[in-house]
Amino acid sequence: HGGARLSQEPDEPLAQVELLLLFHPRLQGGPRRVAPET
């Protein structure tokens, strides 16, 4: 149905999430405006 998969089994997770992690020295130091090239 397109929603999160709700677990019926005790060993199964409630849902699975994928995170896209971006690593670059200019991305450190908290939220701020970053150039698309970064």
Full PDB file with SEQRES, HELIX, SHEET, SSBOND, CRYST1, ORIGX, SCALE, CONECT and MASTER records, all heavy atoms in Angstrom:
SEQRES   1 A   38  HIS GLY GLY ALA ARG LEU SER GLN GLU PRO ASP GLU PRO          
SEQRES   2 A   38  LEU ALA GLN VAL GLU LEU LEU LEU LEU PHE HIS PRO ARG          
SEQRES   3 A   38  LEU GLN GLY GLY PRO ARG ARG VAL ALA PRO GLU THR              
HELIX    1 AA1 PRO A   25  LEU A   27  5                                   3    
CRYST1    1.000    1.000    1.000  90.00  90.00  90.00 P 1           1          
ORIGX1      1.000000  0.000000  0.000000        0.00000                         
ORIGX2      0.000000  1.000000  0.000000        0.00000                         
ORIGX3      0.000000  0.000000  1.000000        0.00000                         
SCALE1      1.000000  0.000000  0.000000        0.00000                         
SCALE2      0.000000  1.000000  0.000000        0.00000                         
SCALE3      0.000000  0.000000  1.000000        0.00000                         
ATOM      1  N   HIS A   1       0.809  -1.211   0.000  1.00  0.00           N  
ATOM      2  CA  HIS A   1       0.000   0.000   0.000  1.00  0.00           C  
ATOM      3  C   HIS A   1       0.844   1.264   0.000  1.00  0.00           C  
ATOM      4  O   HIS A   1       0.317   2.356  -0.031  1.00  0.00           O  
ATOM      5  CB  HIS A   1      -0.959  -0.007   1.195  1.00  0.00           C  
ATOM      6  CG  HIS A   1      -0.255   0.039   2.516  1.00  0.00           C  
ATOM      7  ND1 HIS A   1       0.428  -1.026   3.035  1.00  0.00           N  
ATOM      8  CD2 HIS A   1      -0.122   1.031   3.412  1.00  0.00           C  
ATOM      9  CE1 HIS A   1       0.944  -0.694   4.202  1.00  0.00           C  
ATOM     10  NE2 HIS A   1       0.624   0.543   4.454  1.00  0.00           N  
ATOM     11  N   GLY A   2       2.156   1.158   0.017  1.00  0.00           N  
ATOM     12  CA  GLY A   2       3.039   2.305  -0.094  1.00  0.00           C  
ATOM     13  C   GLY A   2       3.410   2.955   1.226  1.00  0.00           C  
ATOM     14  O   GLY A   2       4.147   3.916   1.253  1.00  0.00           O  
ATOM     15  N   GLY A   3       2.927   2.450   2.355  1.00  0.00           N  
ATOM     16  CA  GLY A   3       3.278   3.002   3.654  1.00  0.00           C  
ATOM     17  C   GLY A   3       4.453   2.268   4.243  1.00  0.00           C  
ATOM     18  O   GLY A   3       5.046   1.395   3.618  1.00  0.00           O  
ATOM     19  N   ALA A   4       4.801   2.620   5.451  1.00  0.00           N  
ATOM     20  CA  ALA A   4       5.886   1.912   6.124  1.00  0.00           C  
ATOM     21  C   ALA A   4       5.454   0.478   6.386  1.00  0.00           C  
ATOM     22  O   ALA A   4       4.293   0.197   6.620  1.00  0.00           O  
ATOM     23  CB  ALA A   4       6.230   2.599   7.445  1.00  0.00           C  
ATOM     24  N   ARG A   5       6.392  -0.406   6.324  1.00  0.00           N  
ATOM     25  CA  ARG A   5       6.104  -1.807   6.629  1.00  0.00           C  
ATOM     26  C   ARG A   5       5.949  -1.931   8.130  1.00  0.00           C  
ATOM     27  O   ARG A   5       6.844  -1.635   8.898  1.00  0.00           O  
ATOM     28  CB  ARG A   5       7.260  -2.680   6.131  1.00  0.00           C  
ATOM     29  CG  ARG A   5       7.072  -4.136   6.426  1.00  0.00           C  
ATOM     30  CD  ARG A   5       8.193  -4.925   5.805  1.00  0.00           C  
ATOM     31  NE  ARG A   5       9.470  -4.412   6.242  1.00  0.00           N  
ATOM     32  CZ  ARG A   5      10.325  -5.097   6.985  1.00  0.00           C  
ATOM     33  NH1 ARG A   5      10.049  -6.306   7.375  1.00  0.00           N  
ATOM     34  NH2 ARG A   5      11.477  -4.586   7.314  1.00  0.00           N  
ATOM     35  N   LEU A   6       4.780  -2.349   8.562  1.00  0.00           N  
ATOM     36  CA  LEU A   6       4.521  -2.513   9.986  1.00  0.00           C  
ATOM     37  C   LEU A   6       4.815  -3.948  10.374  1.00  0.00           C  
ATOM     38  O   LEU A   6       4.349  -4.873   9.742  1.00  0.00           O  
ATOM     39  CB  LEU A   6       3.075  -2.148  10.312  1.00  0.00           C  
ATOM     40  CG  LEU A   6       2.692  -0.711   9.956  1.00  0.00           C  
ATOM     41  CD1 LEU A   6       1.234  -0.470  10.284  1.00  0.00           C  
ATOM     42  CD2 LEU A   6       3.572   0.280  10.677  1.00  0.00           C  
ATOM     43  N   SER A   7       5.557  -4.113  11.433  1.00  0.00           N  
ATOM     44  CA  SER A   7       6.035  -5.429  11.835  1.00  0.00           C  
ATOM     45  C   SER A   7       4.939  -6.254  12.502  1.00  0.00           C  
ATOM     46  O   SER A   7       4.189  -5.769  13.320  1.00  0.00           O  
ATOM     47  CB  SER A   7       7.207  -5.268  12.795  1.00  0.00           C  
ATOM     48  OG  SER A   7       7.629  -6.521  13.245  1.00  0.00           O  
ATOM     49  N   GLN A   8       4.885  -7.524  12.146  1.00  0.00           N  
ATOM     50  CA  GLN A   8       4.013  -8.483  12.812  1.00  0.00           C  
ATOM     51  C   GLN A   8       4.856  -9.430  13.663  1.00  0.00           C  
ATOM     52  O   GLN A   8       4.374  -9.998  14.613  1.00  0.00           O  
ATOM     53  CB  GLN A   8       3.245  -9.295  11.768  1.00  0.00           C  
ATOM     54  CG  GLN A   8       2.440  -8.444  10.807  1.00  0.00           C  
ATOM     55  CD  GLN A   8       1.040  -8.183  11.307  1.00  0.00           C  
ATOM     56  OE1 GLN A   8       0.487  -8.994  12.018  1.00  0.00           O  
ATOM     57  NE2 GLN A   8       0.475  -7.056  10.943  1.00  0.00           N  
ATOM     58  N   GLU A   9       6.076  -9.622  13.294  1.00  0.00           N  
ATOM     59  CA  GLU A   9       6.979 -10.538  13.985  1.00  0.00           C  
ATOM     60  C   GLU A   9       7.818  -9.767  14.999  1.00  0.00           C  
ATOM     61  O   GLU A   9       8.262  -8.657  14.726  1.00  0.00           O  
ATOM     62  CB  GLU A   9       7.918 -11.215  12.978  1.00  0.00           C  
ATOM     63  CG  GLU A   9       7.200 -12.027  11.925  1.00  0.00           C  
ATOM     64  CD  GLU A   9       6.496 -13.239  12.493  1.00  0.00           C  
ATOM     65  OE1 GLU A   9       7.039 -13.861  13.419  1.00  0.00           O  
ATOM     66  OE2 GLU A   9       5.406 -13.546  12.021  1.00  0.00           O  
ATOM     67  N   PRO A  10       8.104 -10.346  16.167  1.00  0.00           N  
ATOM     68  CA  PRO A  10       8.874  -9.622  17.178  1.00  0.00           C  
ATOM     69  C   PRO A  10      10.314  -9.333  16.754  1.00  0.00           C  
ATOM     70  O   PRO A  10      10.895  -8.368  17.225  1.00  0.00           O  
ATOM     71  CB  PRO A  10       8.834 -10.539  18.394  1.00  0.00           C  
ATOM     72  CG  PRO A  10       8.377 -11.863  17.912  1.00  0.00           C  
ATOM     73  CD  PRO A  10       7.654 -11.645  16.619  1.00  0.00           C  
ATOM     74  N   ASP A  11      10.891 -10.131  15.868  1.00  0.00           N  
ATOM     75  CA  ASP A  11      12.274  -9.907  15.459  1.00  0.00           C  
ATOM     76  C   ASP A  11      12.393  -8.936  14.289  1.00  0.00           C  
ATOM     77  O   ASP A  11      13.494  -8.520  13.954  1.00  0.00           O  
ATOM     78  CB  ASP A  11      12.935 -11.234  15.077  1.00  0.00           C  
ATOM     79  CG  ASP A  11      13.178 -12.117  16.299  1.00  0.00           C  
ATOM     80  OD1 ASP A  11      13.132 -11.589  17.424  1.00  0.00           O  
ATOM     81  OD2 ASP A  11      13.388 -13.320  16.130  1.00  0.00           O  
ATOM     82  N   GLU A  12      11.285  -8.603  13.658  1.00  0.00           N  
ATOM     83  CA  GLU A  12      11.328  -7.710  12.517  1.00  0.00           C  
ATOM     84  C   GLU A  12      11.275  -6.255  12.973  1.00  0.00           C  
ATOM     85  O   GLU A  12      10.602  -5.930  13.945  1.00  0.00           O  
ATOM     86  CB  GLU A  12      10.157  -7.992  11.579  1.00  0.00           C  
ATOM     87  CG  GLU A  12      10.298  -9.287  10.825  1.00  0.00           C  
ATOM     88  CD  GLU A  12       9.247  -9.417   9.742  1.00  0.00           C  
ATOM     89  OE1 GLU A  12       8.798  -8.383   9.223  1.00  0.00           O  
ATOM     90  OE2 GLU A  12       8.894 -10.551   9.443  1.00  0.00           O  
ATOM     91  N   PRO A  13      11.965  -5.361  12.254  1.00  0.00           N  
ATOM     92  CA  PRO A  13      11.905  -3.938  12.609  1.00  0.00           C  
ATOM     93  C   PRO A  13      10.532  -3.357  12.267  1.00  0.00           C  
ATOM     94  O   PRO A  13       9.798  -3.901  11.438  1.00  0.00           O  
ATOM     95  CB  PRO A  13      12.998  -3.322  11.742  1.00  0.00           C  
ATOM     96  CG  PRO A  13      13.161  -4.254  10.591  1.00  0.00           C  
ATOM     97  CD  PRO A  13      12.846  -5.626  11.121  1.00  0.00           C  
ATOM     98  N   LEU A  14      10.197  -2.244  12.892  1.00  0.00           N  
ATOM     99  CA  LEU A  14       8.965  -1.537  12.571  1.00  0.00           C  
ATOM    100  C   LEU A  14       9.022  -0.993  11.147  1.00  0.00           C  
ATOM    101  O   LEU A  14       8.021  -0.946  10.453  1.00  0.00           O  
ATOM    102  CB  LEU A  14       8.745  -0.378  13.545  1.00  0.00           C  
ATOM    103  CG  LEU A  14       8.601  -0.738  15.020  1.00  0.00           C  
ATOM    104  CD1 LEU A  14       8.542   0.528  15.862  1.00  0.00           C  
ATOM    105  CD2 LEU A  14       7.364  -1.587  15.234  1.00  0.00           C  
ATOM    106  N   ALA A  15      10.205  -0.566  10.736  1.00  0.00           N  
ATOM    107  CA  ALA A  15      10.421  -0.011   9.392  1.00  0.00           C  
ATOM    108  C   ALA A  15      11.913  -0.047   9.108  1.00  0.00           C  
ATOM    109  O   ALA A  15      12.723  -0.266  10.011  1.00  0.00           O  
ATOM    110  CB  ALA A  15       9.896   1.417   9.314  1.00  0.00           C  
ATOM    111  N   GLN A  16      12.262   0.184   7.840  1.00  0.00           N  
ATOM    112  CA  GLN A  16      13.664   0.360   7.462  1.00  0.00           C  
ATOM    113  C   GLN A  16      13.812   1.733   6.831  1.00  0.00           C  
ATOM    114  O   GLN A  16      12.947   2.174   6.076  1.00  0.00           O  
ATOM    115  CB  GLN A  16      14.112  -0.709   6.472  1.00  0.00           C  
ATOM    116  CG  GLN A  16      14.326  -2.045   7.116  1.00  0.00           C  
ATOM    117  CD  GLN A  16      14.979  -3.028   6.163  1.00  0.00           C  
ATOM    118  OE1 GLN A  16      14.701  -3.030   4.978  1.00  0.00           O  
ATOM    119  NE2 GLN A  16      15.832  -3.861   6.700  1.00  0.00           N  
ATOM    120  N   VAL A  17      14.897   2.399   7.169  1.00  0.00           N  
ATOM    121  CA  VAL A  17      15.174   3.742   6.683  1.00  0.00           C  
ATOM    122  C   VAL A  17      16.570   3.743   6.079  1.00  0.00           C  
ATOM    123  O   VAL A  17      17.491   3.145   6.617  1.00  0.00           O  
ATOM    124  CB  VAL A  17      15.116   4.759   7.858  1.00  0.00           C  
ATOM    125  CG1 VAL A  17      15.487   6.142   7.401  1.00  0.00           C  
ATOM    126  CG2 VAL A  17      13.748   4.748   8.497  1.00  0.00           C  
ATOM    127  N   GLU A  18      16.696   4.415   4.951  1.00  0.00           N  
ATOM    128  CA  GLU A  18      18.024   4.597   4.363  1.00  0.00           C  
ATOM    129  C   GLU A  18      18.424   6.052   4.504  1.00  0.00           C  
ATOM    130  O   GLU A  18      17.647   6.960   4.195  1.00  0.00           O  
ATOM    131  CB  GLU A  18      18.018   4.192   2.892  1.00  0.00           C  
ATOM    132  CG  GLU A  18      17.929   2.704   2.701  1.00  0.00           C  
ATOM    133  CD  GLU A  18      18.146   2.298   1.254  1.00  0.00           C  
ATOM    134  OE1 GLU A  18      17.976   3.139   0.360  1.00  0.00           O  
ATOM    135  OE2 GLU A  18      18.489   1.138   1.032  1.00  0.00           O  
ATOM    136  N   LEU A  19      19.648   6.281   4.986  1.00  0.00           N  
ATOM    137  CA  LEU A  19      20.199   7.624   5.126  1.00  0.00           C  
ATOM    138  C   LEU A  19      21.296   7.820   4.098  1.00  0.00           C  
ATOM    139  O   LEU A  19      22.167   6.962   3.938  1.00  0.00           O  
ATOM    140  CB  LEU A  19      20.814   7.826   6.509  1.00  0.00           C  
ATOM    141  CG  LEU A  19      19.895   7.785   7.715  1.00  0.00           C  
ATOM    142  CD1 LEU A  19      20.719   7.962   8.984  1.00  0.00           C  
ATOM    143  CD2 LEU A  19      18.844   8.850   7.620  1.00  0.00           C  
ATOM    144  N   LEU A  20      21.241   8.929   3.411  1.00  0.00           N  
ATOM    145  CA  LEU A  20      22.336   9.313   2.532  1.00  0.00           C  
ATOM    146  C   LEU A  20      23.247  10.228   3.334  1.00  0.00           C  
ATOM    147  O   LEU A  20      22.839  11.303   3.773  1.00  0.00           O  
ATOM    148  CB  LEU A  20      21.823  10.050   1.288  1.00  0.00           C  
ATOM    149  CG  LEU A  20      22.894  10.665   0.395  1.00  0.00           C  
ATOM    150  CD1 LEU A  20      23.856   9.604  -0.137  1.00  0.00           C  
ATOM    151  CD2 LEU A  20      22.254  11.447  -0.735  1.00  0.00           C  
ATOM    152  N   LEU A  21      24.459   9.781   3.579  1.00  0.00           N  
ATOM    153  CA  LEU A  21      25.437  10.551   4.337  1.00  0.00           C  
ATOM    154  C   LEU A  21      26.405  11.212   3.375  1.00  0.00           C  
ATOM    155  O   LEU A  21      26.934  10.558   2.459  1.00  0.00           O  
ATOM    156  CB  LEU A  21      26.200   9.641   5.294  1.00  0.00           C  
ATOM    157  CG  LEU A  21      25.340   8.837   6.272  1.00  0.00           C  
ATOM    158  CD1 LEU A  21      26.210   7.848   7.030  1.00  0.00           C  
ATOM    159  CD2 LEU A  21      24.607   9.750   7.210  1.00  0.00           C  
ATOM    160  N   LEU A  22      26.629  12.498   3.558  1.00  0.00           N  
ATOM    161  CA  LEU A  22      27.562  13.255   2.737  1.00  0.00           C  
ATOM    162  C   LEU A  22      28.706  13.740   3.619  1.00  0.00           C  
ATOM    163  O   LEU A  22      28.469  14.370   4.655  1.00  0.00           O  
ATOM    164  CB  LEU A  22      26.861  14.453   2.093  1.00  0.00           C  
ATOM    165  CG  LEU A  22      25.674  14.126   1.195  1.00  0.00           C  
ATOM    166  CD1 LEU A  22      24.992  15.416   0.744  1.00  0.00           C  
ATOM    167  CD2 LEU A  22      26.100  13.296   0.003  1.00  0.00           C  
ATOM    168  N   PHE A  23      29.936  13.469   3.188  1.00  0.00           N  
ATOM    169  CA  PHE A  23      31.117  13.846   3.959  1.00  0.00           C  
ATOM    170  C   PHE A  23      31.976  14.798   3.128  1.00  0.00           C  
ATOM    171  O   PHE A  23      32.381  14.477   2.016  1.00  0.00           O  
ATOM    172  CB  PHE A  23      31.948  12.607   4.310  1.00  0.00           C  
ATOM    173  CG  PHE A  23      31.205  11.614   5.146  1.00  0.00           C  
ATOM    174  CD1 PHE A  23      30.544  10.545   4.562  1.00  0.00           C  
ATOM    175  CD2 PHE A  23      31.162  11.748   6.525  1.00  0.00           C  
ATOM    176  CE1 PHE A  23      29.860   9.623   5.326  1.00  0.00           C  
ATOM    177  CE2 PHE A  23      30.471  10.837   7.305  1.00  0.00           C  
ATOM    178  CZ  PHE A  23      29.825   9.773   6.701  1.00  0.00           C  
ATOM    179  N   HIS A  24      32.229  15.974   3.683  1.00  0.00           N  
ATOM    180  CA  HIS A  24      33.096  16.956   3.056  1.00  0.00           C  
ATOM    181  C   HIS A  24      33.515  17.940   4.150  1.00  0.00           C  
ATOM    182  O   HIS A  24      32.693  18.297   4.999  1.00  0.00           O  
ATOM    183  CB  HIS A  24      32.348  17.695   1.938  1.00  0.00           C  
ATOM    184  CG  HIS A  24      33.248  18.499   1.057  1.00  0.00           C  
ATOM    185  ND1 HIS A  24      33.763  19.714   1.439  1.00  0.00           N  
ATOM    186  CD2 HIS A  24      33.720  18.260  -0.188  1.00  0.00           C  
ATOM    187  CE1 HIS A  24      34.514  20.201   0.466  1.00  0.00           C  
ATOM    188  NE2 HIS A  24      34.511  19.328  -0.531  1.00  0.00           N  
ATOM    189  N   PRO A  25      34.771  18.397   4.156  1.00  0.00           N  
ATOM    190  CA  PRO A  25      35.199  19.325   5.220  1.00  0.00           C  
ATOM    191  C   PRO A  25      34.325  20.581   5.324  1.00  0.00           C  
ATOM    192  O   PRO A  25      34.100  21.096   6.412  1.00  0.00           O  
ATOM    193  CB  PRO A  25      36.632  19.695   4.822  1.00  0.00           C  
ATOM    194  CG  PRO A  25      37.096  18.549   3.988  1.00  0.00           C  
ATOM    195  CD  PRO A  25      35.870  18.032   3.276  1.00  0.00           C  
ATOM    196  N   ARG A  26      33.797  21.055   4.206  1.00  0.00           N  
ATOM    197  CA  ARG A  26      32.973  22.267   4.234  1.00  0.00           C  
ATOM    198  C   ARG A  26      31.564  22.016   4.783  1.00  0.00           C  
ATOM    199  O   ARG A  26      30.820  22.956   4.995  1.00  0.00           O  
ATOM    200  CB  ARG A  26      32.878  22.872   2.843  1.00  0.00           C  
ATOM    201  CG  ARG A  26      34.193  23.426   2.380  1.00  0.00           C  
ATOM    202  CD  ARG A  26      34.045  24.191   1.093  1.00  0.00           C  
ATOM    203  NE  ARG A  26      35.346  24.627   0.640  1.00  0.00           N  
ATOM    204  CZ  ARG A  26      35.703  24.704  -0.619  1.00  0.00           C  
ATOM    205  NH1 ARG A  26      34.841  24.372  -1.574  1.00  0.00           N  
ATOM    206  NH2 ARG A  26      36.902  25.105  -0.949  1.00  0.00           N  
ATOM    207  N   LEU A  27      31.205  20.765   5.005  1.00  0.00           N  
ATOM    208  CA  LEU A  27      29.889  20.444   5.552  1.00  0.00           C  
ATOM    209  C   LEU A  27      29.911  20.354   7.072  1.00  0.00           C  
ATOM    210  O   LEU A  27      28.881  20.115   7.688  1.00  0.00           O  
ATOM    211  CB  LEU A  27      29.378  19.117   4.971  1.00  0.00           C  
ATOM    212  CG  LEU A  27      29.113  19.106   3.470  1.00  0.00           C  
ATOM    213  CD1 LEU A  27      28.702  17.715   3.025  1.00  0.00           C  
ATOM    214  CD2 LEU A  27      28.056  20.129   3.096  1.00  0.00           C  
ATOM    215  N   GLN A  28      31.062  20.545   7.675  1.00  0.00           N  
ATOM    216  CA  GLN A  28      31.167  20.450   9.126  1.00  0.00           C  
ATOM    217  C   GLN A  28      30.956  21.817   9.752  1.00  0.00           C  
ATOM    218  O   GLN A  28      31.127  22.839   9.114  1.00  0.00           O  
ATOM    219  CB  GLN A  28      32.525  19.883   9.512  1.00  0.00           C  
ATOM    220  CG  GLN A  28      32.698  18.494   8.938  1.00  0.00           C  
ATOM    221  CD  GLN A  28      33.779  17.715   9.630  1.00  0.00           C  
ATOM    222  OE1 GLN A  28      34.297  18.132  10.640  1.00  0.00           O  
ATOM    223  NE2 GLN A  28      34.102  16.568   9.078  1.00  0.00           N  
ATOM    224  N   GLY A  29      30.559  21.829  10.998  1.00  0.00           N  
ATOM    225  CA  GLY A  29      30.407  23.087  11.707  1.00  0.00           C  
ATOM    226  C   GLY A  29      28.971  23.547  11.848  1.00  0.00           C  
ATOM    227  O   GLY A  29      28.738  24.696  12.170  1.00  0.00           O  
ATOM    228  N   GLY A  30      28.017  22.691  11.593  1.00  0.00           N  
ATOM    229  CA  GLY A  30      26.620  23.043  11.799  1.00  0.00           C  
ATOM    230  C   GLY A  30      25.920  23.490  10.534  1.00  0.00           C  
ATOM    231  O   GLY A  30      26.538  23.650   9.482  1.00  0.00           O  
ATOM    232  N   PRO A  31      24.614  23.693  10.635  1.00  0.00           N  
ATOM    233  CA  PRO A  31      23.826  24.047   9.456  1.00  0.00           C  
ATOM    234  C   PRO A  31      24.145  25.443   8.957  1.00  0.00           C  
ATOM    235  O   PRO A  31      24.252  26.386   9.737  1.00  0.00           O  
ATOM    236  CB  PRO A  31      22.380  23.959   9.938  1.00  0.00           C  
ATOM    237  CG  PRO A  31      22.406  23.761  11.394  1.00  0.00           C  
ATOM    238  CD  PRO A  31      23.808  23.517  11.820  1.00  0.00           C  
ATOM    239  N   ARG A  32      24.322  25.559   7.680  1.00  0.00           N  
ATOM    240  CA  ARG A  32      24.545  26.847   7.014  1.00  0.00           C  
ATOM    241  C   ARG A  32      24.387  26.614   5.514  1.00  0.00           C  
ATOM    242  O   ARG A  32      24.314  25.493   5.050  1.00  0.00           O  
ATOM    243  CB  ARG A  32      25.914  27.415   7.345  1.00  0.00           C  
ATOM    244  CG  ARG A  32      27.062  26.563   6.840  1.00  0.00           C  
ATOM    245  CD  ARG A  32      28.396  27.222   7.175  1.00  0.00           C  
ATOM    246  NE  ARG A  32      29.490  26.460   6.649  1.00  0.00           N  
ATOM    247  CZ  ARG A  32      29.973  25.345   7.158  1.00  0.00           C  
ATOM    248  NH1 ARG A  32      29.443  24.850   8.244  1.00  0.00           N  
ATOM    249  NH2 ARG A  32      30.986  24.714   6.609  1.00  0.00           N  
ATOM    250  N   ARG A  33      24.335  27.675   4.770  1.00  0.00           N  
ATOM    251  CA  ARG A  33      24.194  27.586   3.318  1.00  0.00           C  
ATOM    252  C   ARG A  33      25.493  27.045   2.714  1.00  0.00           C  
ATOM    253  O   ARG A  33      26.571  27.525   3.025  1.00  0.00           O  
ATOM    254  CB  ARG A  33      23.853  28.948   2.753  1.00  0.00           C  
ATOM    255  CG  ARG A  33      23.452  28.902   1.317  1.00  0.00           C  
ATOM    256  CD  ARG A  33      22.940  30.285   0.887  1.00  0.00           C  
ATOM    257  NE  ARG A  33      22.439  30.214  -0.438  1.00  0.00           N  
ATOM    258  CZ  ARG A  33      21.162  30.030  -0.744  1.00  0.00           C  
ATOM    259  NH1 ARG A  33      20.283  29.917   0.219  1.00  0.00           N  
ATOM    260  NH2 ARG A  33      20.770  29.976  -1.985  1.00  0.00           N  
ATOM    261  N   VAL A  34      25.339  26.025   1.861  1.00  0.00           N  
ATOM    262  CA  VAL A  34      26.495  25.375   1.245  1.00  0.00           C  
ATOM    263  C   VAL A  34      26.318  25.401  -0.263  1.00  0.00           C  
ATOM    264  O   VAL A  34      25.215  25.180  -0.771  1.00  0.00           O  
ATOM    265  CB  VAL A  34      26.622  23.907   1.746  1.00  0.00           C  
ATOM    266  CG1 VAL A  34      27.780  23.203   1.076  1.00  0.00           C  
ATOM    267  CG2 VAL A  34      26.778  23.877   3.256  1.00  0.00           C  
ATOM    268  N   ALA A  35      27.406  25.659  -0.972  1.00  0.00           N  
ATOM    269  CA  ALA A  35      27.356  25.716  -2.434  1.00  0.00           C  
ATOM    270  C   ALA A  35      27.052  24.332  -3.012  1.00  0.00           C  
ATOM    271  O   ALA A  35      27.504  23.316  -2.471  1.00  0.00           O  
ATOM    272  CB  ALA A  35      28.690  26.227  -2.978  1.00  0.00           C  
ATOM    273  N   PRO A  36      26.295  24.274  -4.103  1.00  0.00           N  
ATOM    274  CA  PRO A  36      25.991  22.982  -4.734  1.00  0.00           C  
ATOM    275  C   PRO A  36      27.238  22.188  -5.113  1.00  0.00           C  
ATOM    276  O   PRO A  36      27.229  20.963  -5.080  1.00  0.00           O  
ATOM    277  CB  PRO A  36      25.190  23.363  -5.980  1.00  0.00           C  
ATOM    278  CG  PRO A  36      24.648  24.720  -5.705  1.00  0.00           C  
ATOM    279  CD  PRO A  36      25.637  25.375  -4.784  1.00  0.00           C  
ATOM    280  N   GLU A  37      28.320  22.870  -5.441  1.00  0.00           N  
ATOM    281  CA  GLU A  37      29.562  22.187  -5.809  1.00  0.00           C  
ATOM    282  C   GLU A  37      30.119  21.390  -4.632  1.00  0.00           C  
ATOM    283  O   GLU A  37      30.751  20.352  -4.816  1.00  0.00           O  
ATOM    284  CB  GLU A  37      30.621  23.184  -6.294  1.00  0.00           C  
ATOM    285  CG  GLU A  37      30.235  23.975  -7.519  1.00  0.00           C  
ATOM    286  CD  GLU A  37      29.338  25.166  -7.206  1.00  0.00           C  
ATOM    287  OE1 GLU A  37      29.449  25.768  -6.110  1.00  0.00           O  
ATOM    288  OE2 GLU A  37      28.498  25.478  -8.059  1.00  0.00           O  
ATOM    289  N   THR A  38      29.896  21.880  -3.430  1.00  0.00           N  
ATOM    290  CA  THR A  38      30.356  21.171  -2.236  1.00  0.00           C  
ATOM    291  C   THR A  38      29.601  19.854  -2.091  1.00  0.00           C  
ATOM    292  O   THR A  38      30.195  18.812  -1.827  1.00  0.00           O  
ATOM    293  CB  THR A  38      30.170  22.037  -0.979  1.00  0.00           C  
ATOM    294  OG1 THR A  38      30.897  23.254  -1.152  1.00  0.00           O  
ATOM    295  CG2 THR A  38      30.673  21.320   0.256  1.00  0.00           C  
TER     296      THR A  38                                                      
MASTER        0    0    0    1    0    0    0    6  295    1    0    3          
END                                                                             
